[in-house]
Amino acid sequence: FASRLSGSSDLYEHSGRRPFASINFVTAHDGFTMRDLVTYNEKHN
């Protein structure tokens, strides 16, 4: 959690990239919305 919070340098620094190489997201179009993430344990498709 601390590594992700501080920019995920373990993933991106070795290739010469910077913290902004990480597009940080919790939800996207594919998957639960943020409200559904805290409302459902199972998918209802």
All heavy atoms as atom14 arrays in JSON, in Angstrom:
{
  "sequence": "FASRLSGSSDLYEHSGRRPFASINFVTAHDGFTMRDLVTYNEKHN",
  "atom14_mask": [
    [1, 1, 1, 1, 1, 1, 1, 1, 1, 1, 1, 0, 0, 0],
    [1, 1, 1, 1, 1, 0, 0, 0, 0, 0, 0, 0, 0, 0],
    [1, 1, 1, 1, 1, 1, 0, 0, 0, 0, 0, 0, 0, 0],
    [1, 1, 1, 1, 1, 1, 1, 1, 1, 1, 1, 0, 0, 0],
    [1, 1, 1, 1, 1, 1, 1, 1, 0, 0, 0, 0, 0, 0],
    [1, 1, 1, 1, 1, 1, 0, 0, 0, 0, 0, 0, 0, 0],
    [1, 1, 1, 1, 0, 0, 0, 0, 0, 0, 0, 0, 0, 0],
    [1, 1, 1, 1, 1, 1, 0, 0, 0, 0, 0, 0, 0, 0],
    [1, 1, 1, 1, 1, 1, 0, 0, 0, 0, 0, 0, 0, 0],
    [1, 1, 1, 1, 1, 1, 1, 1, 0, 0, 0, 0, 0, 0],
    [1, 1, 1, 1, 1, 1, 1, 1, 0, 0, 0, 0, 0, 0],
    [1, 1, 1, 1, 1, 1, 1, 1, 1, 1, 1, 1, 0, 0],
    [1, 1, 1, 1, 1, 1, 1, 1, 1, 0, 0, 0, 0, 0],
    [1, 1, 1, 1, 1, 1, 1, 1, 1, 1, 0, 0, 0, 0],
    [1, 1, 1, 1, 1, 1, 0, 0, 0, 0, 0, 0, 0, 0],
    [1, 1, 1, 1, 0, 0, 0, 0, 0, 0, 0, 0, 0, 0],
    [1, 1, 1, 1, 1, 1, 1, 1, 1, 1, 1, 0, 0, 0],
    [1, 1, 1, 1, 1, 1, 1, 1, 1, 1, 1, 0, 0, 0],
    [1, 1, 1, 1, 1, 1, 1, 0, 0, 0, 0, 0, 0, 0],
    [1, 1, 1, 1, 1, 1, 1, 1, 1, 1, 1, 0, 0, 0],
    [1, 1, 1, 1, 1, 0, 0, 0, 0, 0, 0, 0, 0, 0],
    [1, 1, 1, 1, 1, 1, 0, 0, 0, 0, 0, 0, 0, 0],
    [1, 1, 1, 1, 1, 1, 1, 1, 0, 0, 0, 0, 0, 0],
    [1, 1, 1, 1, 1, 1, 1, 1, 0, 0, 0, 0, 0, 0],
    [1, 1, 1, 1, 1, 1, 1, 1, 1, 1, 1, 0, 0, 0],
    [1, 1, 1, 1, 1, 1, 1, 0, 0, 0, 0, 0, 0, 0],
    [1, 1, 1, 1, 1, 1, 1, 0, 0, 0, 0, 0, 0, 0],
    [1, 1, 1, 1, 1, 0, 0, 0, 0, 0, 0, 0, 0, 0],
    [1, 1, 1, 1, 1, 1, 1, 1, 1, 1, 0, 0, 0, 0],
    [1, 1, 1, 1, 1, 1, 1, 1, 0, 0, 0, 0, 0, 0],
    [1, 1, 1, 1, 0, 0, 0, 0, 0, 0, 0, 0, 0, 0],
    [1, 1, 1, 1, 1, 1, 1, 1, 1, 1, 1, 0, 0, 0],
    [1, 1, 1, 1, 1, 1, 1, 0, 0, 0, 0, 0, 0, 0],
    [1, 1, 1, 1, 1, 1, 1, 1, 0, 0, 0, 0, 0, 0],
    [1, 1, 1, 1, 1, 1, 1, 1, 1, 1, 1, 0, 0, 0],
    [1, 1, 1, 1, 1, 1, 1, 1, 0, 0, 0, 0, 0, 0],
    [1, 1, 1, 1, 1, 1, 1, 1, 0, 0, 0, 0, 0, 0],
    [1, 1, 1, 1, 1, 1, 1, 0, 0, 0, 0, 0, 0, 0],
    [1, 1, 1, 1, 1, 1, 1, 0, 0, 0, 0, 0, 0, 0],
    [1, 1, 1, 1, 1, 1, 1, 1, 1, 1, 1, 1, 0, 0],
    [1, 1, 1, 1, 1, 1, 1, 1, 0, 0, 0, 0, 0, 0],
    [1, 1, 1, 1, 1, 1, 1, 1, 1, 0, 0, 0, 0, 0],
    [1, 1, 1, 1, 1, 1, 1, 1, 1, 0, 0, 0, 0, 0],
    [1, 1, 1, 1, 1, 1, 1, 1, 1, 1, 0, 0, 0, 0],
    [1, 1, 1, 1, 1, 1, 1, 1, 0, 0, 0, 0, 0, 0]
  ],
  "atom14_positions": [
    [[0.84, -1.2, 0.0], [0.0, 0.0, 0.0], [0.88, 1.25, 0.0], [0.64, 2.19, -0.77], [-0.92, -0.02, 1.22], [-1.75, 1.22, 1.39], [-2.87, 1.45, 0.61], [-1.43, 2.16, 2.36], [-3.65, 2.59, 0.78], [-2.2, 3.3, 2.54], [-3.31, 3.52, 1.75], [0.0, 0.0, 0.0], [0.0, 0.0, 0.0], [0.0, 0.0, 0.0]],
    [[1.93, 1.24, 0.83], [2.84, 2.39, 0.88], [3.59, 2.57, -0.43], [3.8, 3.7, -0.89], [3.82, 2.22, 2.04], [0.0, 0.0, 0.0], [0.0, 0.0, 0.0], [0.0, 0.0, 0.0], [0.0, 0.0, 0.0], [0.0, 0.0, 0.0], [0.0, 0.0, 0.0], [0.0, 0.0, 0.0], [0.0, 0.0, 0.0], [0.0, 0.0, 0.0]],
    [[3.99, 1.47, -1.05], [4.69, 1.56, -2.34], [3.8, 2.15, -3.42], [4.25, 2.99, -4.21], [5.17, 0.17, -2.78], [6.18, -0.31, -1.93], [0.0, 0.0, 0.0], [0.0, 0.0, 0.0], [0.0, 0.0, 0.0], [0.0, 0.0, 0.0], [0.0, 0.0, 0.0], [0.0, 0.0, 0.0], [0.0, 0.0, 0.0], [0.0, 0.0, 0.0]],
    [[2.54, 1.72, -3.46], [1.63, 2.25, -4.47], [1.31, 3.72, -4.2], [1.21, 4.53, -5.11], [0.34, 1.43, -4.51], [0.56, -0.04, -4.77], [1.12, -0.33, -6.15], [1.84, -1.59, -6.15], [3.13, -1.72, -6.34], [3.88, -0.66, -6.59], [3.71, -2.9, -6.33], [0.0, 0.0, 0.0], [0.0, 0.0, 0.0], [0.0, 0.0, 0.0]],
    [[1.17, 4.05, -2.92], [0.86, 5.42, -2.53], [1.99, 6.38, -2.92], [1.75, 7.53, -3.27], [0.64, 5.47, -1.02], [-0.23, 6.56, -0.41], [-1.65, 6.48, -0.95], [-0.24, 6.43, 1.11], [0.0, 0.0, 0.0], [0.0, 0.0, 0.0], [0.0, 0.0, 0.0], [0.0, 0.0, 0.0], [0.0, 0.0, 0.0], [0.0, 0.0, 0.0]],
    [[3.22, 5.9, -2.89], [4.38, 6.76, -3.14], [4.87, 6.69, -4.58], [5.97, 7.17, -4.87], [5.53, 6.4, -2.18], [5.86, 5.03, -2.25], [0.0, 0.0, 0.0], [0.0, 0.0, 0.0], [0.0, 0.0, 0.0], [0.0, 0.0, 0.0], [0.0, 0.0, 0.0], [0.0, 0.0, 0.0], [0.0, 0.0, 0.0], [0.0, 0.0, 0.0]],
    [[4.1, 6.11, -5.49], [4.43, 6.22, -6.9], [4.83, 4.96, -7.62], [5.16, 5.0, -8.8], [0.0, 0.0, 0.0], [0.0, 0.0, 0.0], [0.0, 0.0, 0.0], [0.0, 0.0, 0.0], [0.0, 0.0, 0.0], [0.0, 0.0, 0.0], [0.0, 0.0, 0.0], [0.0, 0.0, 0.0], [0.0, 0.0, 0.0], [0.0, 0.0, 0.0]],
    [[4.88, 3.82, -6.92], [5.21, 2.53, -7.56], [6.57, 2.57, -8.24], [6.74, 2.14, -9.38], [4.13, 2.12, -8.57], [2.89, 1.9, -7.94], [0.0, 0.0, 0.0], [0.0, 0.0, 0.0], [0.0, 0.0, 0.0], [0.0, 0.0, 0.0], [0.0, 0.0, 0.0], [0.0, 0.0, 0.0], [0.0, 0.0, 0.0], [0.0, 0.0, 0.0]],
    [[7.58, 3.06, -7.52], [8.92, 3.12, -8.1], [9.46, 1.73, -8.4], [10.3, 1.56, -9.29], [9.87, 3.84, -7.15], [9.96, 3.17, -5.91], [0.0, 0.0, 0.0], [0.0, 0.0, 0.0], [0.0, 0.0, 0.0], [0.0, 0.0, 0.0], [0.0, 0.0, 0.0], [0.0, 0.0, 0.0], [0.0, 0.0, 0.0], [0.0, 0.0, 0.0]],
    [[8.98, 0.7, -7.67], [9.43, -0.67, -7.94], [9.02, -1.12, -9.34], [9.64, -2.03, -9.9], [8.87, -1.62, -6.88], [7.35, -1.59, -6.81], [6.77, -0.5, -6.97], [6.74, -2.65, -6.59], [0.0, 0.0, 0.0], [0.0, 0.0, 0.0], [0.0, 0.0, 0.0], [0.0, 0.0, 0.0], [0.0, 0.0, 0.0], [0.0, 0.0, 0.0]],
    [[8.0, -0.49, -9.91], [7.53, -0.88, -11.24], [8.13, -0.02, -12.35], [8.33, -0.51, -13.47], [6.01, -0.77, -11.31], [5.2, -1.65, -10.36], [3.71, -1.36, -10.51], [5.48, -3.12, -10.6], [0.0, 0.0, 0.0], [0.0, 0.0, 0.0], [0.0, 0.0, 0.0], [0.0, 0.0, 0.0], [0.0, 0.0, 0.0], [0.0, 0.0, 0.0]],
    [[8.42, 1.25, -12.07], [8.71, 2.18, -13.15], [10.1, 2.81, -13.13], [10.58, 3.25, -14.17], [7.65, 3.29, -13.16], [6.25, 2.74, -13.29], [5.33, 2.82, -12.24], [5.84, 2.11, -14.46], [4.05, 2.31, -12.36], [4.56, 1.58, -14.59], [3.68, 1.68, -13.53], [2.42, 1.15, -13.67], [0.0, 0.0, 0.0], [0.0, 0.0, 0.0]],
    [[10.75, 2.85, -11.98], [12.02, 3.59, -11.91], [13.12, 2.9, -12.7], [14.0, 3.56, -13.27], [12.44, 3.76, -10.45], [13.59, 4.73, -10.26], [13.83, 5.07, -8.8], [13.49, 4.23, -7.93], [14.36, 6.15, -8.53], [0.0, 0.0, 0.0], [0.0, 0.0, 0.0], [0.0, 0.0, 0.0], [0.0, 0.0, 0.0], [0.0, 0.0, 0.0]],
    [[13.11, 1.57, -12.77], [14.19, 0.84, -13.43], [14.29, 1.16, -14.91], [15.36, 1.02, -15.51], [13.98, -0.67, -13.25], [12.79, -1.22, -13.98], [12.84, -1.66, -15.28], [11.5, -1.34, -13.6], [11.64, -2.06, -15.67], [10.8, -1.88, -14.67], [0.0, 0.0, 0.0], [0.0, 0.0, 0.0], [0.0, 0.0, 0.0], [0.0, 0.0, 0.0]],
    [[13.19, 1.61, -15.53], [13.21, 1.92, -16.95], [13.4, 3.41, -17.22], [13.22, 3.87, -18.36], [11.9, 1.45, -17.61], [10.77, 2.07, -17.01], [0.0, 0.0, 0.0], [0.0, 0.0, 0.0], [0.0, 0.0, 0.0], [0.0, 0.0, 0.0], [0.0, 0.0, 0.0], [0.0, 0.0, 0.0], [0.0, 0.0, 0.0], [0.0, 0.0, 0.0]],
    [[13.77, 4.16, -16.19], [14.02, 5.58, -16.36], [12.77, 6.42, -16.35], [12.82, 7.61, -16.67], [0.0, 0.0, 0.0], [0.0, 0.0, 0.0], [0.0, 0.0, 0.0], [0.0, 0.0, 0.0], [0.0, 0.0, 0.0], [0.0, 0.0, 0.0], [0.0, 0.0, 0.0], [0.0, 0.0, 0.0], [0.0, 0.0, 0.0], [0.0, 0.0, 0.0]],
    [[11.64, 5.81, -15.98], [10.4, 6.58, -15.94], [10.21, 7.23, -14.59], [10.94, 6.98, -13.65], [9.23, 5.68, -16.32], [9.25, 5.3, -17.8], [8.03, 4.51, -18.21], [8.07, 3.13, -17.75], [7.07, 2.27, -17.91], [5.94, 2.67, -18.48], [7.19, 1.03, -17.5], [0.0, 0.0, 0.0], [0.0, 0.0, 0.0], [0.0, 0.0, 0.0]],
    [[9.19, 8.06, -14.5], [8.93, 8.85, -13.31], [7.6, 8.43, -12.69], [6.87, 7.61, -13.25], [8.92, 10.33, -13.69], [10.26, 10.76, -14.31], [10.69, 12.09, -13.78], [11.97, 12.5, -14.33], [12.32, 13.75, -14.51], [11.46, 14.72, -14.22], [13.51, 14.07, -14.96], [0.0, 0.0, 0.0], [0.0, 0.0, 0.0], [0.0, 0.0, 0.0]],
    [[7.24, 9.01, -11.54], [6.0, 8.57, -10.88], [4.77, 8.66, -11.77], [3.85, 7.84, -11.66], [5.88, 9.53, -9.68], [7.28, 9.93, -9.38], [7.98, 9.99, -10.7], [0.0, 0.0, 0.0], [0.0, 0.0, 0.0], [0.0, 0.0, 0.0], [0.0, 0.0, 0.0], [0.0, 0.0, 0.0], [0.0, 0.0, 0.0], [0.0, 0.0, 0.0]],
    [[4.74, 9.64, -12.68], [3.55, 9.8, -13.51], [3.42, 8.72, -14.58], [2.46, 8.73, -15.34], [3.5, 11.2, -14.15], [4.78, 11.63, -14.83], [5.15, 11.11, -16.05], [5.6, 12.58, -14.24], [6.31, 11.52, -16.69], [6.76, 13.0, -14.86], [7.12, 12.46, -16.09], [0.0, 0.0, 0.0], [0.0, 0.0, 0.0], [0.0, 0.0, 0.0]],
    [[4.37, 7.77, -14.63], [4.17, 6.6, -15.49], [3.03, 5.74, -14.98], [2.45, 4.95, -15.73], [5.45, 5.78, -15.58], [0.0, 0.0, 0.0], [0.0, 0.0, 0.0], [0.0, 0.0, 0.0], [0.0, 0.0, 0.0], [0.0, 0.0, 0.0], [0.0, 0.0, 0.0], [0.0, 0.0, 0.0], [0.0, 0.0, 0.0], [0.0, 0.0, 0.0]],
    [[2.69, 5.92, -13.7], [1.62, 5.14, -13.08], [0.29, 5.88, -13.19], [0.1, 6.94, -12.59], [1.95, 4.89, -11.6], [0.9, 4.2, -10.96], [0.0, 0.0, 0.0], [0.0, 0.0, 0.0], [0.0, 0.0, 0.0], [0.0, 0.0, 0.0], [0.0, 0.0, 0.0], [0.0, 0.0, 0.0], [0.0, 0.0, 0.0], [0.0, 0.0, 0.0]],
    [[-0.63, 5.32, -13.98], [-2.01, 5.83, -14.0], [-2.75, 5.1, -12.89], [-3.02, 3.9, -12.98], [-2.69, 5.59, -15.36], [-1.84, 6.17, -16.51], [-4.09, 6.18, -15.36], [-1.64, 7.66, -16.45], [0.0, 0.0, 0.0], [0.0, 0.0, 0.0], [0.0, 0.0, 0.0], [0.0, 0.0, 0.0], [0.0, 0.0, 0.0], [0.0, 0.0, 0.0]],
    [[-3.05, 5.82, -11.82], [-3.63, 5.23, -10.62], [-5.15, 5.24, -10.7], [-5.77, 6.29, -10.87], [-3.19, 6.02, -9.38], [-1.69, 6.0, -9.18], [-1.02, 5.03, -9.54], [-1.14, 7.06, -8.62], [0.0, 0.0, 0.0], [0.0, 0.0, 0.0], [0.0, 0.0, 0.0], [0.0, 0.0, 0.0], [0.0, 0.0, 0.0], [0.0, 0.0, 0.0]],
    [[-5.73, 4.05, -10.57], [-7.19, 3.97, -10.61], [-7.66, 2.87, -9.67], [-6.94, 1.92, -9.4], [-7.68, 3.72, -12.04], [-7.33, 2.36, -12.61], [-8.3, 1.38, -12.76], [-6.03, 2.06, -13.0], [-8.0, 0.13, -13.28], [-5.71, 0.82, -13.53], [-6.7, -0.15, -13.68], [0.0, 0.0, 0.0], [0.0, 0.0, 0.0], [0.0, 0.0, 0.0]],
    [[-8.85, 3.04, -9.17], [-9.5, 2.03, -8.33], [-10.58, 1.32, -9.12], [-10.8, 0.12, -8.97], [-10.08, 2.66, -7.05], [-10.85, 1.64, -6.22], [-8.96, 3.28, -6.21], [0.0, 0.0, 0.0], [0.0, 0.0, 0.0], [0.0, 0.0, 0.0], [0.0, 0.0, 0.0], [0.0, 0.0, 0.0], [0.0, 0.0, 0.0], [0.0, 0.0, 0.0]],
    [[-11.25, 2.06, -9.98], [-12.28, 1.48, -10.85], [-12.11, 2.04, -12.26], [-11.53, 3.12, -12.45], [-13.7, 1.81, -10.35], [-13.84, 3.24, -10.3], [-13.96, 1.21, -8.99], [0.0, 0.0, 0.0], [0.0, 0.0, 0.0], [0.0, 0.0, 0.0], [0.0, 0.0, 0.0], [0.0, 0.0, 0.0], [0.0, 0.0, 0.0], [0.0, 0.0, 0.0]],
    [[-12.63, 1.31, -13.23], [-12.66, 1.76, -14.62], [-13.95, 1.23, -15.23], [-14.79, 0.63, -14.54], [-11.43, 1.26, -15.37], [0.0, 0.0, 0.0], [0.0, 0.0, 0.0], [0.0, 0.0, 0.0], [0.0, 0.0, 0.0], [0.0, 0.0, 0.0], [0.0, 0.0, 0.0], [0.0, 0.0, 0.0], [0.0, 0.0, 0.0], [0.0, 0.0, 0.0]],
    [[-14.11, 1.41, -16.54], [-15.34, 0.96, -17.18], [-15.55, -0.54, -17.01], [-16.68, -1.01, -16.93], [-15.3, 1.3, -18.67], [-14.26, 0.53, -19.43], [-12.96, 0.96, -19.56], [-14.32, -0.66, -20.09], [-12.27, 0.08, -20.26], [-13.08, -0.92, -20.6], [0.0, 0.0, 0.0], [0.0, 0.0, 0.0], [0.0, 0.0, 0.0], [0.0, 0.0, 0.0]],
    [[-14.46, -1.29, -16.96], [-14.52, -2.75, -16.89], [-14.47, -3.18, -15.43], [-13.42, -3.12, -14.8], [-13.33, -3.34, -17.66], [-13.46, -4.84, -17.85], [-14.45, -5.41, -17.35], [-12.57, -5.43, -18.47], [0.0, 0.0, 0.0], [0.0, 0.0, 0.0], [0.0, 0.0, 0.0], [0.0, 0.0, 0.0], [0.0, 0.0, 0.0], [0.0, 0.0, 0.0]],
    [[-15.6, -3.59, -14.89], [-15.67, -3.98, -13.48], [-16.73, -3.21, -12.73], [-17.56, -2.5, -13.3], [0.0, 0.0, 0.0], [0.0, 0.0, 0.0], [0.0, 0.0, 0.0], [0.0, 0.0, 0.0], [0.0, 0.0, 0.0], [0.0, 0.0, 0.0], [0.0, 0.0, 0.0], [0.0, 0.0, 0.0], [0.0, 0.0, 0.0], [0.0, 0.0, 0.0]],
    [[-16.7, -3.35, -11.41], [-17.64, -2.64, -10.56], [-17.41, -1.14, -10.61], [-16.27, -0.68, -10.76], [-17.5, -3.1, -9.1], [-18.17, -4.4, -8.77], [-17.63, -5.25, -7.82], [-19.35, -4.78, -9.38], [-18.24, -6.44, -7.49], [-19.98, -5.97, -9.05], [-19.42, -6.8, -8.1], [0.0, 0.0, 0.0], [0.0, 0.0, 0.0], [0.0, 0.0, 0.0]],
    [[-18.46, -0.36, -10.43], [-18.31, 1.05, -10.11], [-17.82, 1.14, -8.66], [-17.82, 0.15, -7.92], [-19.63, 1.81, -10.23], [-20.54, 1.32, -9.22], [-20.26, 1.61, -11.6], [0.0, 0.0, 0.0], [0.0, 0.0, 0.0], [0.0, 0.0, 0.0], [0.0, 0.0, 0.0], [0.0, 0.0, 0.0], [0.0, 0.0, 0.0], [0.0, 0.0, 0.0]],
    [[-17.43, 2.34, -8.24], [-16.93, 2.48, -6.88], [-18.02, 2.2, -5.85], [-17.77, 1.58, -4.81], [-16.34, 3.88, -6.69], [-15.38, 3.99, -5.52], [-14.58, 5.6, -5.42], [-13.34, 5.46, -6.71], [0.0, 0.0, 0.0], [0.0, 0.0, 0.0], [0.0, 0.0, 0.0], [0.0, 0.0, 0.0], [0.0, 0.0, 0.0], [0.0, 0.0, 0.0]],
    [[-19.25, 2.63, -6.13], [-20.33, 2.32, -5.19], [-20.6, 0.82, -5.13], [-20.8, 0.25, -4.05], [-21.61, 3.07, -5.57], [-22.77, 2.79, -4.6], [-24.04, 3.48, -4.99], [-24.08, 4.88, -4.63], [-24.48, 5.34, -3.44], [-24.85, 4.5, -2.49], [-24.51, 6.62, -3.19], [0.0, 0.0, 0.0], [0.0, 0.0, 0.0], [0.0, 0.0, 0.0]],
    [[-20.58, 0.16, -6.28], [-20.82, -1.28, -6.3], [-19.68, -2.04, -5.64], [-19.89, -3.13, -5.1], [-21.02, -1.77, -7.73], [-22.35, -1.32, -8.31], [-23.15, -0.72, -7.56], [-22.59, -1.55, -9.51], [0.0, 0.0, 0.0], [0.0, 0.0, 0.0], [0.0, 0.0, 0.0], [0.0, 0.0, 0.0], [0.0, 0.0, 0.0], [0.0, 0.0, 0.0]],
    [[-18.48, -1.47, -5.66], [-17.32, -2.1, -5.03], [-17.53, -2.23, -3.53], [-16.99, -3.15, -2.9], [-16.07, -1.25, -5.32], [-14.71, -1.86, -5.03], [-14.43, -3.06, -5.91], [-13.62, -0.8, -5.22], [0.0, 0.0, 0.0], [0.0, 0.0, 0.0], [0.0, 0.0, 0.0], [0.0, 0.0, 0.0], [0.0, 0.0, 0.0], [0.0, 0.0, 0.0]],
    [[-18.31, -1.32, -2.95], [-18.55, -1.37, -1.5], [-19.97, -1.88, -1.19], [-20.4, -1.83, -0.04], [-18.33, 0.02, -0.86], [-16.91, 0.49, -1.1], [-19.34, 1.06, -1.38], [0.0, 0.0, 0.0], [0.0, 0.0, 0.0], [0.0, 0.0, 0.0], [0.0, 0.0, 0.0], [0.0, 0.0, 0.0], [0.0, 0.0, 0.0], [0.0, 0.0, 0.0]],
    [[-20.68, -2.37, -2.2], [-22.07, -2.81, -2.03], [-22.27, -4.28, -2.35], [-23.22, -4.9, -1.87], [-22.99, -1.95, -2.92], [-22.77, -0.56, -2.64], [-24.45, -2.27, -2.69], [0.0, 0.0, 0.0], [0.0, 0.0, 0.0], [0.0, 0.0, 0.0], [0.0, 0.0, 0.0], [0.0, 0.0, 0.0], [0.0, 0.0, 0.0], [0.0, 0.0, 0.0]],
    [[-21.38, -4.86, -3.15], [-21.56, -6.24, -3.6], [-20.28, -7.06, -3.41], [-19.18, -6.57, -3.69], [-21.94, -6.27, -5.09], [-23.25, -5.59, -5.4], [-23.27, -4.24, -5.78], [-24.46, -6.27, -5.32], [-24.47, -3.61, -6.07], [-25.66, -5.64, -5.62], [-25.66, -4.31, -5.99], [-26.84, -3.68, -6.27], [0.0, 0.0, 0.0], [0.0, 0.0, 0.0]],
    [[-20.46, -8.28, -2.95], [-19.36, -9.24, -2.93], [-19.3, -10.05, -4.22], [-18.24, -10.54, -4.62], [-19.49, -10.21, -1.76], [-19.08, -9.59, -0.44], [-18.56, -8.47, -0.4], [-19.33, -10.3, 0.66], [0.0, 0.0, 0.0], [0.0, 0.0, 0.0], [0.0, 0.0, 0.0], [0.0, 0.0, 0.0], [0.0, 0.0, 0.0], [0.0, 0.0, 0.0]],
    [[-20.45, -10.2, -4.86], [-20.54, -11.03, -6.06], [-21.06, -10.19, -7.23], [-21.82, -9.23, -7.04], [-21.49, -12.22, -5.83], [-21.16, -13.06, -4.61], [-19.83, -13.77, -4.71], [-19.38, -14.01, -5.85], [-19.24, -14.08, -3.66], [0.0, 0.0, 0.0], [0.0, 0.0, 0.0], [0.0, 0.0, 0.0], [0.0, 0.0, 0.0], [0.0, 0.0, 0.0]],
    [[-20.67, -10.56, -8.44], [-21.19, -9.9, -9.64], [-22.63, -10.33, -9.88], [-23.05, -11.44, -9.51], [-20.32, -10.25, -10.85], [-20.29, -11.74, -11.17], [-19.31, -12.05, -12.28], [-19.26, -13.57, -12.53], [-18.27, -13.93, -13.58], [0.0, 0.0, 0.0], [0.0, 0.0, 0.0], [0.0, 0.0, 0.0], [0.0, 0.0, 0.0], [0.0, 0.0, 0.0]],
    [[-23.39, -9.46, -10.5], [-24.8, -9.72, -10.82], [-25.03, -9.33, -12.28], [-25.57, -8.26, -12.57], [-25.71, -8.95, -9.87], [-25.54, -9.34, -8.43], [-26.29, -10.33, -7.82], [-24.67, -8.91, -7.49], [-25.9, -10.47, -6.56], [-24.92, -9.61, -6.34], [0.0, 0.0, 0.0], [0.0, 0.0, 0.0], [0.0, 0.0, 0.0], [0.0, 0.0, 0.0]],
    [[-24.62, -10.22, -13.18], [-24.6, -9.92, -14.61], [-25.72, -10.61, -15.37], [-25.58, -10.9, -16.56], [-23.25, -10.33, -15.21], [-22.1, -9.54, -14.64], [-22.28, -8.65, -13.82], [-20.89, -9.84, -15.08], [0.0, 0.0, 0.0], [0.0, 0.0, 0.0], [0.0, 0.0, 0.0], [0.0, 0.0, 0.0], [0.0, 0.0, 0.0], [0.0, 0.0, 0.0]]
  ]
}
